Amino acid sequence: MSAPVSKGLAAARAGFLRLTRPQAVRTNQDTGLIRLIALVTMAIDHFGKMCFPNLIIMRVIGRLAFPLFAYGIAVGAVYTKDPMKYLTRVVLLALVSQPLYAVGLAHESRAMYAVSFFENPLGCLWSFYMNSWAMQPSILVSLSLGLAILLCLRERRWVLAVALYVLCERMAGKLDYGINGIRLMLIFYMLCEHPIACLAASFSFMTWWGMQGGGFVSLLGIPFNMRIFAMPSIILCCIPMKRRIQLPRWLIYGFYPAHLAVLCLLVILVP
């Protein structure tokens, strides 16, 4: 093999390795701001769905949340000092939150209530929890799987990363935001050292994603779906900003199940 070819292959390999294990984040480093906006817009979306279904603007605002969460996961994968501890926290949050998600956002199944609490309390709780996964897992499952793939890339566990990605492809119909949500996390992670490239790739991807399906029609007669309204989030994620806002960890991890618990109470108490 000639020297130029060898050097080219070596450069390509080095570039690929750098993409799969970025050393720093040069896009938006103000993750406190990112997470705060994500939590607020998510809550607006969920309360809009359950309490004000006729206010479409609340669902539109809610489209901002997922890209921000996806970006937060990507940045966390770059900077975490303990990958397994970070992944464990997200997975545990998913496990704890699922029944609240199922009840609070109307993803229940009849099987959740098939066992009487008075006849078999433990069996009732077990059936309620296990069947809460039957309809649709929460967004935290998508975020957990995406994080696992990113951490595998970071630790050079190529086979496991590919296997997890294939698993996500196979179960895309069950994942909130499907396989495209995983792909967006990969774009944010692999291009976080290159703000312009990250903006171009993520903006193009979100545009393509937003054109899949319908529901709305542009002035030019082009159909698009609600994900197109997530574009401001994409821009915010890619603007280089330094860290300013610091959110306590209990708020970051506690807000999701807490707001779902409030929605559960509303579902139960309000006819």
C-alpha atoms as a PDB file:
ATOM      1  CA  MET A   1       0.000   0.000   0.000  1.00  0.00           C
ATOM      2  CA  SER A   2       1.421   3.398  -0.976  1.00  0.00           C
ATOM      3  CA  ALA A   3       2.370   5.980   1.634  1.00  0.00           C
ATOM      4  CA  PRO A   4      -0.299   8.558   0.560  1.00  0.00           C
ATOM      5  CA  VAL A   5      -3.024   5.920   0.780  1.00  0.00           C
ATOM      6  CA  SER A   6      -1.787   4.774   4.191  1.00  0.00           C
ATOM      7  CA  LYS A   7      -1.720   8.345   5.437  1.00  0.00           C
ATOM      8  CA  GLY A   8      -5.218   8.927   4.072  1.00  0.00           C
ATOM      9  CA  LEU A   9      -6.584   5.841   5.820  1.00  0.00           C
ATOM     10  CA  ALA A  10      -4.837   6.825   9.041  1.00  0.00           C
ATOM     11  CA  ALA A  11      -6.326  10.325   8.849  1.00  0.00           C
ATOM     12  CA  ALA A  12      -9.803   8.926   8.146  1.00  0.00           C
ATOM     13  CA  ARG A  13      -9.508   6.543  11.096  1.00  0.00           C
ATOM     14  CA  ALA A  14      -8.317   9.329  13.384  1.00  0.00           C
ATOM     15  CA  GLY A  15     -11.202  11.536  12.239  1.00  0.00           C
ATOM     16  CA  PHE A  16     -13.740   8.789  12.855  1.00  0.00           C
ATOM     17  CA  LEU A  17     -12.343   8.099  16.315  1.00  0.00           C
ATOM     18  CA  ARG A  18     -12.521  11.800  17.123  1.00  0.00           C
ATOM     19  CA  LEU A  19     -16.164  11.922  16.051  1.00  0.00           C
ATOM     20  CA  THR A  20     -17.058   8.960  18.250  1.00  0.00           C
ATOM     21  CA  ARG A  21     -15.206  10.333  21.266  1.00  0.00           C
ATOM     22  CA  PRO A  22     -15.298  14.145  21.222  1.00  0.00           C
ATOM     23  CA  GLN A  23     -12.985  15.782  23.729  1.00  0.00           C
ATOM     24  CA  ALA A  24     -15.000  18.932  24.340  1.00  0.00           C
ATOM     25  CA  VAL A  25     -18.325  20.607  23.613  1.00  0.00           C
ATOM     26  CA  ARG A  26     -18.042  23.740  21.492  1.00  0.00           C
ATOM     27  CA  THR A  27     -21.738  24.095  20.775  1.00  0.00           C
ATOM     28  CA  ASN A  28     -23.988  25.389  23.585  1.00  0.00           C
ATOM     29  CA  GLN A  29     -22.319  24.726  26.942  1.00  0.00           C
ATOM     30  CA  ASP A  30     -25.096  26.375  28.955  1.00  0.00           C
ATOM     31  CA  THR A  31     -26.781  23.063  29.694  1.00  0.00           C
ATOM     32  CA  GLY A  32     -28.609  24.558  32.664  1.00  0.00           C
ATOM     33  CA  LEU A  33     -30.504  26.871  30.315  1.00  0.00           C
ATOM     34  CA  ILE A  34     -31.083  24.016  27.865  1.00  0.00           C
ATOM     35  CA  ARG A  35     -32.534  21.764  30.569  1.00  0.00           C
ATOM     36  CA  LEU A  36     -34.659  24.510  32.095  1.00  0.00           C
ATOM     37  CA  ILE A  37     -36.298  25.303  28.748  1.00  0.00           C
ATOM     38  CA  ALA A  38     -36.719  21.577  28.071  1.00  0.00           C
ATOM     39  CA  LEU A  39     -38.500  20.987  31.392  1.00  0.00           C
ATOM     40  CA  VAL A  40     -40.808  23.988  30.994  1.00  0.00           C
ATOM     41  CA  THR A  41     -41.770  23.258  27.382  1.00  0.00           C
ATOM     42  CA  MET A  42     -42.311  19.573  28.192  1.00  0.00           C
ATOM     43  CA  ALA A  43     -44.670  20.483  31.041  1.00  0.00           C
ATOM     44  CA  ILE A  44     -46.576  22.894  28.776  1.00  0.00           C
ATOM     45  CA  ASP A  45     -46.917  20.129  26.183  1.00  0.00           C
ATOM     46  CA  HIS A  46     -48.160  17.525  28.655  1.00  0.00           C
ATOM     47  CA  PHE A  47     -50.600  19.815  30.444  1.00  0.00           C
ATOM     48  CA  GLY A  48     -51.828  21.012  27.076  1.00  0.00           C
ATOM     49  CA  LYS A  49     -52.512  17.461  25.947  1.00  0.00           C
ATOM     50  CA  MET A  50     -54.389  16.459  29.090  1.00  0.00           C
ATOM     51  CA  CYS A  51     -56.029  19.687  30.290  1.00  0.00           C
ATOM     52  CA  PHE A  52     -56.323  21.982  27.261  1.00  0.00           C
ATOM     53  CA  PRO A  53     -56.538  19.717  24.189  1.00  0.00           C
ATOM     54  CA  ASN A  54     -58.035  22.503  22.062  1.00  0.00           C
ATOM     55  CA  LEU A  55     -55.054  24.804  22.600  1.00  0.00           C
ATOM     56  CA  ILE A  56     -52.802  23.602  19.791  1.00  0.00           C
ATOM     57  CA  ILE A  57     -50.240  26.275  20.688  1.00  0.00           C
ATOM     58  CA  MET A  58     -49.338  24.349  23.840  1.00  0.00           C
ATOM     59  CA  ARG A  59     -48.512  21.261  21.761  1.00  0.00           C
ATOM     60  CA  VAL A  60     -46.512  23.412  19.345  1.00  0.00           C
ATOM     61  CA  ILE A  61     -44.464  24.822  22.226  1.00  0.00           C
ATOM     62  CA  GLY A  62     -43.954  21.269  23.442  1.00  0.00           C
ATOM     63  CA  ARG A  63     -42.152  20.323  20.224  1.00  0.00           C
ATOM     64  CA  LEU A  64     -39.186  22.349  21.492  1.00  0.00           C
ATOM     65  CA  ALA A  65     -38.543  19.918  24.339  1.00  0.00           C
ATOM     66  CA  PHE A  66     -37.231  16.735  22.731  1.00  0.00           C
ATOM     67  CA  PRO A  67     -34.252  18.186  20.813  1.00  0.00           C
ATOM     68  CA  LEU A  68     -33.186  19.926  24.027  1.00  0.00           C
ATOM     69  CA  PHE A  69     -33.358  16.682  26.005  1.00  0.00           C
ATOM     70  CA  ALA A  70     -31.505  14.871  23.210  1.00  0.00           C
ATOM     71  CA  TYR A  71     -28.800  17.520  23.250  1.00  0.00           C
ATOM     72  CA  GLY A  72     -28.510  17.348  27.034  1.00  0.00           C
ATOM     73  CA  ILE A  73     -27.966  13.596  26.797  1.00  0.00           C
ATOM     74  CA  ALA A  74     -25.262  14.087  24.154  1.00  0.00           C
ATOM     75  CA  VAL A  75     -23.409  16.669  26.239  1.00  0.00           C
ATOM     76  CA  GLY A  76     -23.699  14.476  29.311  1.00  0.00           C
ATOM     77  CA  ALA A  77     -22.186  11.567  27.389  1.00  0.00           C
ATOM     78  CA  VAL A  78     -19.184  13.734  26.507  1.00  0.00           C
ATOM     79  CA  TYR A  79     -18.515  15.119  29.963  1.00  0.00           C
ATOM     80  CA  THR A  80     -19.594  12.439  32.432  1.00  0.00           C
ATOM     81  CA  LYS A  81     -16.765  11.064  34.565  1.00  0.00           C
ATOM     82  CA  ASP A  82     -18.734   7.937  35.469  1.00  0.00           C
ATOM     83  CA  PRO A  83     -20.615   6.608  32.398  1.00  0.00           C
ATOM     84  CA  MET A  84     -22.285   3.712  34.209  1.00  0.00           C
ATOM     85  CA  LYS A  85     -23.496   5.901  37.066  1.00  0.00           C
ATOM     86  CA  TYR A  86     -24.937   8.406  34.612  1.00  0.00           C
ATOM     87  CA  LEU A  87     -26.682   5.717  32.580  1.00  0.00           C
ATOM     88  CA  THR A  88     -27.989   4.066  35.750  1.00  0.00           C
ATOM     89  CA  ARG A  89     -29.594   7.327  36.905  1.00  0.00           C
ATOM     90  CA  VAL A  90     -31.447   7.780  33.619  1.00  0.00           C
ATOM     91  CA  VAL A  91     -32.567   4.134  33.512  1.00  0.00           C
ATOM     92  CA  LEU A  92     -33.790   4.213  37.119  1.00  0.00           C
ATOM     93  CA  LEU A  93     -35.701   7.407  36.388  1.00  0.00           C
ATOM     94  CA  ALA A  94     -37.345   5.650  33.431  1.00  0.00           C
ATOM     95  CA  LEU A  95     -38.281   2.654  35.598  1.00  0.00           C
ATOM     96  CA  VAL A  96     -39.754   4.805  38.364  1.00  0.00           C
ATOM     97  CA  SER A  97     -41.639   7.161  36.051  1.00  0.00           C
ATOM     98  CA  GLN A  98     -43.309   4.674  33.689  1.00  0.00           C
ATOM     99  CA  PRO A  99     -46.559   4.044  35.637  1.00  0.00           C
ATOM    100  CA  LEU A 100     -46.933   7.778  36.255  1.00  0.00           C
ATOM    101  CA  TYR A 101     -46.414   8.367  32.536  1.00  0.00           C
ATOM    102  CA  ALA A 102     -49.005   5.740  31.590  1.00  0.00           C
ATOM    103  CA  VAL A 103     -51.698   7.190  33.864  1.00  0.00           C
ATOM    104  CA  GLY A 104     -50.816  10.874  33.595  1.00  0.00           C
ATOM    105  CA  LEU A 105     -50.689  10.933  29.780  1.00  0.00           C
ATOM    106  CA  ALA A 106     -53.469   8.437  29.036  1.00  0.00           C
ATOM    107  CA  HIS A 107     -51.322   5.532  27.884  1.00  0.00           C
ATOM    108  CA  GLU A 108     -53.105   3.062  30.137  1.00  0.00           C
ATOM    109  CA  SER A 109     -54.276  -0.433  29.275  1.00  0.00           C
ATOM    110  CA  ARG A 110     -57.111  -2.435  30.802  1.00  0.00           C
ATOM    111  CA  ALA A 111     -54.605  -5.029  31.947  1.00  0.00           C
ATOM    112  CA  MET A 112     -53.188  -2.500  34.430  1.00  0.00           C
ATOM    113  CA  TYR A 113     -56.387  -2.816  36.460  1.00  0.00           C
ATOM    114  CA  ALA A 114     -57.103  -6.515  35.883  1.00  0.00           C
ATOM    115  CA  VAL A 115     -56.070  -7.605  39.397  1.00  0.00           C
ATOM    116  CA  SER A 116     -58.058  -6.387  42.396  1.00  0.00           C
ATOM    117  CA  PHE A 117     -56.018  -4.612  45.057  1.00  0.00           C
ATOM    118  CA  PHE A 118     -58.272  -5.891  47.853  1.00  0.00           C
ATOM    119  CA  GLU A 119     -57.972  -9.509  46.732  1.00  0.00           C
ATOM    120  CA  ASN A 120     -54.262  -9.495  45.922  1.00  0.00           C
ATOM    121  CA  PRO A 121     -52.434  -6.251  46.834  1.00  0.00           C
ATOM    122  CA  LEU A 122     -48.965  -7.360  45.707  1.00  0.00           C
ATOM    123  CA  GLY A 123     -50.298  -8.963  42.539  1.00  0.00           C
ATOM    124  CA  CYS A 124     -52.256  -5.803  41.796  1.00  0.00           C
ATOM    125  CA  LEU A 125     -49.195  -3.591  42.132  1.00  0.00           C
ATOM    126  CA  TRP A 126     -47.075  -5.957  40.062  1.00  0.00           C
ATOM    127  CA  SER A 127     -49.709  -6.204  37.308  1.00  0.00           C
ATOM    128  CA  PHE A 128     -50.258  -2.438  37.360  1.00  0.00           C
ATOM    129  CA  TYR A 129     -46.560  -1.706  36.985  1.00  0.00           C
ATOM    130  CA  MET A 130     -45.683  -4.359  34.401  1.00  0.00           C
ATOM    131  CA  ASN A 131     -48.674  -3.568  32.199  1.00  0.00           C
ATOM    132  CA  SER A 132     -47.930   0.145  32.331  1.00  0.00           C
ATOM    133  CA  TRP A 133     -45.280  -0.644  29.702  1.00  0.00           C
ATOM    134  CA  ALA A 134     -47.780  -2.270  27.327  1.00  0.00           C
ATOM    135  CA  MET A 135     -48.987   0.793  25.409  1.00  0.00           C
ATOM    136  CA  GLN A 136     -45.990   3.069  25.031  1.00  0.00           C
ATOM    137  CA  PRO A 137     -42.789   3.554  27.044  1.00  0.00           C
ATOM    138  CA  SER A 138     -41.939   7.093  28.108  1.00  0.00           C
ATOM    139  CA  ILE A 139     -39.387   9.306  26.420  1.00  0.00           C
ATOM    140  CA  LEU A 140     -36.893   8.244  29.087  1.00  0.00           C
ATOM    141  CA  VAL A 141     -36.588   4.841  27.426  1.00  0.00           C
ATOM    142  CA  SER A 142     -35.525   6.506  24.174  1.00  0.00           C
ATOM    143  CA  LEU A 143     -33.108   8.740  26.060  1.00  0.00           C
ATOM    144  CA  SER A 144     -31.690   5.755  27.966  1.00  0.00           C
ATOM    145  CA  LEU A 145     -31.082   3.750  24.798  1.00  0.00           C
ATOM    146  CA  GLY A 146     -29.599   6.747  23.015  1.00  0.00           C
ATOM    147  CA  LEU A 147     -27.300   7.417  25.959  1.00  0.00           C
ATOM    148  CA  ALA A 148     -26.221   3.768  26.047  1.00  0.00           C
ATOM    149  CA  ILE A 149     -25.243   3.942  22.352  1.00  0.00           C
ATOM    150  CA  LEU A 150     -23.287   7.169  22.854  1.00  0.00           C
ATOM    151  CA  LEU A 151     -21.431   5.773  25.854  1.00  0.00           C
ATOM    152  CA  CYS A 152     -20.568   2.616  23.897  1.00  0.00           C
ATOM    153  CA  LEU A 153     -19.110   4.800  21.145  1.00  0.00           C
ATOM    154  CA  ARG A 154     -17.182   6.800  23.718  1.00  0.00           C
ATOM    155  CA  GLU A 155     -15.710   3.628  25.241  1.00  0.00           C
ATOM    156  CA  ARG A 156     -14.957   2.074  21.823  1.00  0.00           C
ATOM    157  CA  ARG A 157     -17.428  -0.778  22.306  1.00  0.00           C
ATOM    158  CA  TRP A 158     -18.342  -0.874  18.642  1.00  0.00           C
ATOM    159  CA  VAL A 159     -20.185  -4.198  18.549  1.00  0.00           C
ATOM    160  CA  LEU A 160     -22.418  -3.297  21.476  1.00  0.00           C
ATOM    161  CA  ALA A 161     -23.109   0.144  19.998  1.00  0.00           C
ATOM    162  CA  VAL A 162     -24.192  -1.383  16.677  1.00  0.00           C
ATOM    163  CA  ALA A 163     -26.269  -4.038  18.449  1.00  0.00           C
ATOM    164  CA  LEU A 164     -28.102  -1.397  20.491  1.00  0.00           C
ATOM    165  CA  TYR A 165     -28.712   0.700  17.392  1.00  0.00           C
ATOM    166  CA  VAL A 166     -30.155  -2.305  15.537  1.00  0.00           C
ATOM    167  CA  LEU A 167     -32.351  -2.994  18.585  1.00  0.00           C
ATOM    168  CA  CYS A 168     -33.641   0.570  18.419  1.00  0.00           C
ATOM    169  CA  GLU A 169     -34.360   0.138  14.708  1.00  0.00           C
ATOM    170  CA  ARG A 170     -36.356  -3.021  15.436  1.00  0.00           C
ATOM    171  CA  MET A 171     -38.399  -1.472  18.253  1.00  0.00           C
ATOM    172  CA  ALA A 172     -38.696   1.976  16.658  1.00  0.00           C
ATOM    173  CA  GLY A 173     -42.484   1.707  16.627  1.00  0.00           C
ATOM    174  CA  LYS A 174     -42.511   1.454  20.418  1.00  0.00           C
ATOM    175  CA  LEU A 175     -40.004   4.226  21.091  1.00  0.00           C
ATOM    176  CA  ASP A 176     -41.150   7.765  21.697  1.00  0.00           C
ATOM    177  CA  TYR A 177     -39.786   9.696  18.670  1.00  0.00           C
ATOM    178  CA  GLY A 178     -38.694   6.397  17.119  1.00  0.00           C
ATOM    179  CA  ILE A 179     -35.296   5.775  15.584  1.00  0.00           C
ATOM    180  CA  ASN A 180     -35.021   9.388  14.435  1.00  0.00           C
ATOM    181  CA  GLY A 181     -34.792  10.499  18.034  1.00  0.00           C
ATOM    182  CA  ILE A 182     -31.747   8.240  18.439  1.00  0.00           C
ATOM    183  CA  ARG A 183     -30.237   9.614  15.233  1.00  0.00           C
ATOM    184  CA  LEU A 184     -30.621  13.185  16.455  1.00  0.00           C
ATOM    185  CA  MET A 185     -28.698  12.308  19.635  1.00  0.00           C
ATOM    186  CA  LEU A 186     -25.935  10.816  17.498  1.00  0.00           C
ATOM    187  CA  ILE A 187     -25.699  13.992  15.388  1.00  0.00           C
ATOM    188  CA  PHE A 188     -25.473  16.220  18.467  1.00  0.00           C
ATOM    189  CA  TYR A 189     -22.845  13.979  20.056  1.00  0.00           C
ATOM    190  CA  MET A 190     -20.595  13.400  17.076  1.00  0.00           C
ATOM    191  CA  LEU A 191     -20.572  17.033  15.917  1.00  0.00           C
ATOM    192  CA  CYS A 192     -20.498  18.842  19.261  1.00  0.00           C
ATOM    193  CA  GLU A 193     -16.935  20.034  18.578  1.00  0.00           C
ATOM    194  CA  HIS A 194     -18.028  21.686  15.330  1.00  0.00           C
ATOM    195  CA  PRO A 195     -20.889  24.202  15.869  1.00  0.00           C
ATOM    196  CA  ILE A 196     -21.421  25.088  12.190  1.00  0.00           C
ATOM    197  CA  ALA A 197     -21.379  21.463  11.045  1.00  0.00           C
ATOM    198  CA  CYS A 198     -23.658  20.493  13.927  1.00  0.00           C
ATOM    199  CA  LEU A 199     -26.140  23.231  13.038  1.00  0.00           C
ATOM    200  CA  ALA A 200     -26.122  22.293   9.347  1.00  0.00           C
ATOM    201  CA  ALA A 201     -26.533  18.557  10.001  1.00  0.00           C
ATOM    202  CA  SER A 202     -29.113  18.772  12.787  1.00  0.00           C
ATOM    203  CA  PHE A 203     -31.136  21.510  11.051  1.00  0.00           C
ATOM    204  CA  SER A 204     -31.200  19.535   7.796  1.00  0.00           C
ATOM    205  CA  PHE A 205     -32.136  16.362   9.630  1.00  0.00           C
ATOM    206  CA  MET A 206     -34.940  18.043  11.577  1.00  0.00           C
ATOM    207  CA  THR A 207     -36.236  19.631   8.362  1.00  0.00           C
ATOM    208  CA  TRP A 208     -36.338  16.217   6.684  1.00  0.00           C
ATOM    209  CA  TRP A 209     -37.963  14.687   9.761  1.00  0.00           C
ATOM    210  CA  GLY A 210     -40.516  17.470   9.934  1.00  0.00           C
ATOM    211  CA  MET A 211     -41.520  16.808   6.333  1.00  0.00           C
ATOM    212  CA  GLN A 212     -42.399  13.182   7.056  1.00  0.00           C
ATOM    213  CA  GLY A 213     -46.155  12.826   7.329  1.00  0.00           C
ATOM    214  CA  GLY A 214     -48.602  15.705   7.410  1.00  0.00           C
ATOM    215  CA  GLY A 215     -51.011  17.582   9.594  1.00  0.00           C
ATOM    216  CA  PHE A 216     -50.018  21.054   8.378  1.00  0.00           C
ATOM    217  CA  VAL A 217     -49.505  22.656   4.987  1.00  0.00           C
ATOM    218  CA  SER A 218     -47.041  25.482   4.260  1.00  0.00           C
ATOM    219  CA  LEU A 219     -47.811  28.539   2.144  1.00  0.00           C
ATOM    220  CA  LEU A 220     -46.128  26.724  -0.737  1.00  0.00           C
ATOM    221  CA  GLY A 221     -48.485  23.789  -0.340  1.00  0.00           C
ATOM    222  CA  ILE A 222     -45.835  21.512   1.186  1.00  0.00           C
ATOM    223  CA  PRO A 223     -47.156  19.236   3.971  1.00  0.00           C
ATOM    224  CA  PHE A 224     -45.249  19.003   7.246  1.00  0.00           C
ATOM    225  CA  ASN A 225     -45.772  17.720  10.781  1.00  0.00           C
ATOM    226  CA  MET A 226     -45.461  19.358  14.192  1.00  0.00           C
ATOM    227  CA  ARG A 227     -41.789  18.447  14.576  1.00  0.00           C
ATOM    228  CA  ILE A 228     -40.920  21.279  12.246  1.00  0.00           C
ATOM    229  CA  PHE A 229     -41.698  23.627  15.141  1.00  0.00           C
ATOM    230  CA  ALA A 230     -38.651  22.254  16.974  1.00  0.00           C
ATOM    231  CA  MET A 231     -36.297  24.276  14.752  1.00  0.00           C
ATOM    232  CA  PRO A 232     -35.633  27.009  17.370  1.00  0.00           C
ATOM    233  CA  SER A 233     -34.357  24.318  19.739  1.00  0.00           C
ATOM    234  CA  ILE A 234     -31.917  23.064  17.128  1.00  0.00           C
ATOM    235  CA  ILE A 235     -30.524  26.565  16.689  1.00  0.00           C
ATOM    236  CA  LEU A 236     -30.256  27.115  20.456  1.00  0.00           C
ATOM    237  CA  CYS A 237     -28.350  23.852  20.918  1.00  0.00           C
ATOM    238  CA  CYS A 238     -25.751  24.799  18.319  1.00  0.00           C
ATOM    239  CA  ILE A 239     -25.059  28.388  19.387  1.00  0.00           C
ATOM    240  CA  PRO A 240     -21.755  28.485  21.326  1.00  0.00           C
ATOM    241  CA  MET A 241     -22.653  29.710  24.822  1.00  0.00           C
ATOM    242  CA  LYS A 242     -20.782  29.330  28.093  1.00  0.00           C
ATOM    243  CA  ARG A 243     -22.236  27.780  31.226  1.00  0.00           C
ATOM    244  CA  ARG A 244     -24.271  30.187  33.335  1.00  0.00           C
ATOM    245  CA  ILE A 245     -27.398  28.622  34.819  1.00  0.00           C
ATOM    246  CA  GLN A 246     -26.845  25.846  37.335  1.00  0.00           C
ATOM    247  CA  LEU A 247     -29.838  23.641  38.137  1.00  0.00           C
ATOM    248  CA  PRO A 248     -29.820  21.382  41.212  1.00  0.00           C
ATOM    249  CA  ARG A 249     -29.688  17.688  40.362  1.00  0.00           C
ATOM    250  CA  TRP A 250     -32.865  16.979  42.341  1.00  0.00           C
ATOM    251  CA  LEU A 251     -34.763  19.349  40.025  1.00  0.00           C
ATOM    252  CA  ILE A 252     -33.282  17.873  36.854  1.00  0.00           C
ATOM    253  CA  TYR A 253     -34.214  14.318  37.799  1.00  0.00           C
ATOM    254  CA  GLY A 254     -37.215  14.989  40.011  1.00  0.00           C
ATOM    255  CA  PHE A 255     -39.231  17.288  37.788  1.00  0.00           C
ATOM    256  CA  TYR A 256     -40.245  14.592  35.310  1.00  0.00           C
ATOM    257  CA  PRO A 257     -41.956  12.190  37.758  1.00  0.00           C
ATOM    258  CA  ALA A 258     -43.258  15.127  39.840  1.00  0.00           C
ATOM    259  CA  HIS A 259     -45.141  16.780  36.988  1.00  0.00           C
ATOM    260  CA  LEU A 260     -46.507  13.391  35.914  1.00  0.00           C
ATOM    261  CA  ALA A 261     -47.735  12.799  39.473  1.00  0.00           C
ATOM    262  CA  VAL A 262     -49.630  16.114  39.301  1.00  0.00           C
ATOM    263  CA  LEU A 263     -51.191  15.037  36.005  1.00  0.00           C
ATOM    264  CA  CYS A 264     -52.160  11.690  37.569  1.00  0.00           C
ATOM    265  CA  LEU A 265     -53.955  13.505  40.380  1.00  0.00           C
ATOM    266  CA  LEU A 266     -55.775  15.686  37.857  1.00  0.00           C
ATOM    267  CA  VAL A 267     -56.808  12.624  35.842  1.00  0.00           C
ATOM    268  CA  ILE A 268     -58.132  10.913  38.986  1.00  0.00           C
ATOM    269  CA  LEU A 269     -59.775  13.897  40.678  1.00  0.00           C
ATOM    270  CA  VAL A 270     -61.110  15.954  37.767  1.00  0.00           C
ATOM    271  CA  PRO A 271     -64.014  14.327  35.893  1.00  0.00           C
END
